[in-house]
């Protein structure tokens, strides 16, 4: 089983099989418009612009599960991303990414790229402390911990690596280049 077994609804309501992205290197990321990590949209777009002609695509999945930081409807999310960050990589409809209602794709991603910790990453101690104080249940499994968790997928649809929220998009660049 790989990511091509899944489908998801694009932000415009169209259902799309992820098989559409077969042969591309992908970054799959859960996003939010009112998060301290929201400026990562800018660098994600820069990575997309830099590598899209070499086979990189980015799939953004808005999510409102973390601090209710994505309260808008799909159209509002799309407009925000385009106006504020020039986002033109594919955005999908809002989904849950953790818990019993999580989109099956995100269950698959977290099973294949377990949580590797936060405290050893720049900025990770603060997020870890926040989660420990406010959501200790988030730290007990491999589920997504916060907005802007990024998963790198190879051209065959295999999950290669997970990058936590505190890791900047350009921290992935060397791994992206290796797959392209």
Protein backbone atom coordinates (compact mmCIF):
# COMPACT_ATOMS: atom_id res chain seq x y z
CA UNK A 1 0.00 0.00 0.00
CA UNK A 2 1.19 3.51 -0.77
CA UNK A 3 -0.23 7.00 -0.88
CA UNK A 4 -1.68 6.34 -4.33
CA UNK A 5 -4.35 4.17 -2.70
CA UNK A 6 -5.94 7.30 -1.23
CA UNK A 7 -8.08 10.06 -2.61
CA UNK A 8 -8.89 13.46 -1.19
CA UNK A 9 -11.15 16.37 -1.94
CA UNK A 10 -9.47 19.40 -3.49
CA UNK A 11 -10.34 22.76 -1.96
CA UNK A 12 -12.79 23.32 -4.85
CA UNK A 13 -14.73 20.18 -3.89
CA UNK A 14 -13.36 17.91 -6.63
CA UNK A 15 -12.40 14.40 -5.45
CA UNK A 16 -8.90 13.46 -6.67
CA UNK A 17 -7.05 10.17 -6.52
CA UNK A 18 -3.51 10.71 -5.25
CA UNK A 19 -2.48 8.43 -8.11
CA UNK A 20 -2.68 11.65 -10.13
CA UNK A 21 0.66 12.58 -8.51
CA UNK A 22 2.38 9.27 -9.36
CA UNK A 23 5.97 9.85 -10.44
CA UNK A 24 6.30 13.14 -8.55
CA UNK A 25 8.20 13.87 -5.35
CA UNK A 26 5.62 15.19 -2.89
CA UNK A 27 5.49 17.17 0.30
CA UNK A 28 2.22 16.56 2.12
CA UNK A 29 1.62 19.14 4.84
CA UNK A 30 -1.20 20.01 7.23
CA UNK A 31 -1.67 23.77 7.30
CA UNK A 32 -3.44 26.57 9.17
CA UNK A 33 -3.90 30.28 8.48
CA UNK A 34 -3.66 31.63 12.04
CA UNK A 35 -0.67 29.73 13.39
CA UNK A 36 2.80 30.86 14.38
CA UNK A 37 4.05 28.53 11.63
CA UNK A 38 1.77 30.02 8.94
CA UNK A 39 4.69 31.96 7.38
CA UNK A 40 6.00 28.54 6.27
CA UNK A 41 3.57 28.92 3.36
CA UNK A 42 6.05 31.40 1.88
CA UNK A 43 8.97 28.97 1.92
CA UNK A 44 6.81 26.06 0.78
CA UNK A 45 5.83 28.17 -2.22
CA UNK A 46 9.50 29.01 -2.86
CA UNK A 47 10.40 25.31 -2.80
CA UNK A 48 7.52 24.58 -5.14
CA UNK A 49 8.61 27.33 -7.56
CA UNK A 50 12.23 26.16 -7.44
CA UNK A 51 11.59 22.45 -8.01
CA UNK A 52 8.18 22.01 -9.69
CA UNK A 53 9.77 21.70 -13.13
CA UNK A 54 11.98 18.89 -11.78
CA UNK A 55 9.01 16.94 -10.42
CA UNK A 56 8.19 18.35 -6.96
CA UNK A 57 4.62 18.96 -5.90
CA UNK A 58 3.23 20.13 -2.58
CA UNK A 59 -0.17 19.07 -1.28
CA UNK A 60 -1.57 21.32 1.45
CA UNK A 61 -4.28 20.06 3.78
CA UNK A 62 -5.83 22.76 5.98
CA UNK A 63 -6.75 21.56 9.45
CA UNK A 64 -8.52 23.22 12.39
CA UNK A 65 -7.53 20.69 15.08
CA UNK A 66 -4.70 22.64 16.67
CA UNK A 67 -5.81 25.71 18.59
CA UNK A 68 -8.66 26.25 16.10
CA UNK A 69 -6.13 28.04 13.90
CA UNK A 70 -7.93 27.30 10.63
CA UNK A 71 -11.49 28.50 11.31
CA UNK A 72 -12.36 29.64 7.79
CA UNK A 73 -14.29 27.83 5.09
CA UNK A 74 -12.38 26.31 2.16
CA UNK A 75 -12.84 29.35 -0.09
CA UNK A 76 -11.56 31.65 2.66
CA UNK A 77 -8.51 29.43 3.17
CA UNK A 78 -7.71 29.41 -0.54
CA UNK A 79 -8.10 33.18 -0.83
CA UNK A 80 -5.93 33.77 2.25
CA UNK A 81 -3.15 31.53 0.90
CA UNK A 82 -3.18 33.12 -2.55
CA UNK A 83 -3.38 36.74 -1.38
CA UNK A 84 -0.89 36.53 1.49
CA UNK A 85 1.63 33.95 0.24
CA UNK A 86 1.00 33.56 -3.49
CA UNK A 87 0.28 29.87 -2.97
CA UNK A 88 -0.43 28.07 -6.22
CA UNK A 89 0.43 24.50 -5.22
CA UNK A 90 -2.59 22.19 -4.72
CA UNK A 91 -4.72 22.83 -1.65
CA UNK A 92 -7.27 20.35 -0.38
CA UNK A 93 -10.43 20.69 1.66
CA UNK A 94 -10.09 20.96 5.42
CA UNK A 95 -9.52 17.63 7.13
CA UNK A 96 -8.72 16.21 10.53
CA UNK A 97 -5.18 14.82 10.68
CA UNK A 98 -5.25 13.12 14.09
CA UNK A 99 -7.74 11.13 16.10
CA UNK A 100 -10.58 8.84 15.09
CA UNK A 101 -11.89 11.26 12.44
CA UNK A 102 -8.51 11.78 10.77
CA UNK A 103 -8.36 11.42 7.01
CA UNK A 104 -7.04 7.88 6.27
CA UNK A 105 -4.08 9.37 4.39
CA UNK A 106 -2.81 10.92 7.62
CA UNK A 107 -3.19 7.65 9.54
CA UNK A 108 -1.06 6.08 6.82
CA UNK A 109 1.54 8.86 6.87
CA UNK A 110 2.02 8.75 10.64
CA UNK A 111 2.22 4.95 10.65
CA UNK A 112 4.98 5.09 8.04
CA UNK A 113 6.87 8.08 9.45
CA UNK A 114 6.74 7.98 13.24
CA UNK A 115 7.21 10.99 15.47
CA UNK A 116 10.91 11.56 16.16
CA UNK A 117 10.66 14.18 18.90
CA UNK A 118 10.77 17.93 19.22
CA UNK A 119 13.27 18.84 21.93
CA UNK A 120 16.33 18.19 19.76
CA UNK A 121 15.13 20.56 17.03
CA UNK A 122 15.48 24.37 17.02
CA UNK A 123 12.34 25.85 18.56
CA UNK A 124 11.18 22.40 19.51
CA UNK A 125 11.54 22.83 23.26
CA UNK A 126 8.92 25.61 23.28
CA UNK A 127 6.39 23.59 21.28
CA UNK A 128 7.08 20.51 23.39
CA UNK A 129 6.52 22.51 26.60
CA UNK A 130 3.27 23.96 25.20
CA UNK A 131 2.01 20.51 24.25
CA UNK A 132 3.07 19.05 27.58
CA UNK A 133 1.15 21.77 29.43
CA UNK A 134 -1.95 22.01 27.23
CA UNK A 135 -2.21 18.73 25.29
CA UNK A 136 -0.09 16.01 26.94
CA UNK A 137 -2.18 13.42 25.08
CA UNK A 138 -0.61 14.66 21.82
CA UNK A 139 2.82 13.46 22.97
CA UNK A 140 1.99 9.82 23.67
CA UNK A 141 1.85 8.45 20.13
CA UNK A 142 3.09 9.01 16.58
CA UNK A 143 0.21 11.25 15.59
CA UNK A 144 0.68 14.74 14.20
CA UNK A 145 1.55 17.17 16.98
CA UNK A 146 0.73 20.57 15.40
CA UNK A 147 0.17 22.49 12.17
CA UNK A 148 2.77 22.34 9.39
CA UNK A 149 3.96 18.78 9.93
CA UNK A 150 5.50 17.84 6.60
CA UNK A 151 5.88 14.41 4.99
CA UNK A 152 8.30 13.83 2.12
CA UNK A 153 7.15 11.23 -0.42
CA UNK A 154 9.29 9.68 -3.17
CA UNK A 155 8.28 9.18 -6.81
CA UNK A 156 6.93 5.70 -6.04
CA UNK A 157 4.57 6.97 -3.33
CA UNK A 158 6.66 5.85 -0.36
CA UNK A 159 6.89 7.95 2.78
CA UNK A 160 10.56 8.90 3.06
CA UNK A 161 10.74 11.28 6.00
CA UNK A 162 8.72 13.35 8.43
CA UNK A 163 9.55 16.94 9.33
CA UNK A 164 7.90 18.40 12.41
CA UNK A 165 6.24 21.82 12.61
CA UNK A 166 9.35 23.48 14.01
CA UNK A 167 11.43 22.36 11.05
CA UNK A 168 11.51 24.97 8.30
CA UNK A 169 10.59 23.95 4.75
CA UNK A 170 14.13 24.62 3.54
CA UNK A 171 15.36 22.04 6.09
CA UNK A 172 13.94 19.52 3.60
CA UNK A 173 15.84 20.83 0.58
CA UNK A 174 18.74 18.37 0.65
CA UNK A 175 16.33 15.43 0.99
CA UNK A 176 14.15 16.82 -1.82
CA UNK A 177 17.15 17.18 -4.14
CA UNK A 178 18.22 13.61 -3.40
CA UNK A 179 14.80 12.35 -4.56
CA UNK A 180 14.62 14.50 -7.67
